[in-house]
Amino acid sequence: MKTTGQRKRAPRRATAAMAIVLALCAAATLSFANDEARRPSAAGDPASLKAAYLYNFALYTTWPIGQAASVALCSYGRDDLGVALDALAGRQIDGKPVQARRIDSVNEAKSCHLLYVSEGAAGSLAPVARALQAWPVLVVSDAVGAAEHAMIQIEPDGNRLAFAVNLPRVRSAGLDLSAKLLRLARSVR
């Protein structure tokens, strides 16, 4: 016969197990939200993996209400994403098609929802981020030291990627990141 203490532990264990399963499902969803990212070739391709992260960052971001007919994912600087960025075109985010664009000016960046600044354009990150402070553009970079200027910094973690979030910068742009995304971040400051 079970005592009262034993009866109470079973639901707690089930709840903890369910929380772990949900966290793993969320991590899998964030890393590989589309069929392209699940292909074996994408797993070993850094550009495809970064592009999948960018798509998921956009998927879990809420922008101020606007009349945009599409979601613009833009790349600034040296194009190190190549066809991986192009593969995102036409996918859907909140019922709107994704546009993949390459840009080379801050004025063009103002029409983007997400702006990826490559490591090759690290010298431009600070001025671009300052110019976009008042605009609802999610600035993401993989440049070393990007955490100070970007809203999300993508960082290598062995053969995987991790990311850090600069939440004050995100909020000052009028953006909101899903709690699911924030839980998966390596750090949130």
Foldseek 3Di string as FASTA:
>chain_A
DDDPVVVVVVVVVVVVVVVVVVLVVLVCCQQDVDPVCVDPVNLQDPLLSVLSNQVSQQLQKDAPDDDDQAAEEEEEDDPPNPVSLVVQAQDDRPRHTYDYYYDHDLVVQLPHQEYEYELRNVVCQQVSLVSCQQGNYQYEYQHVPCQVRHQKHWYDDDSHIAIEGAVVSNVSNVMDGHPSVVVRHPYYD
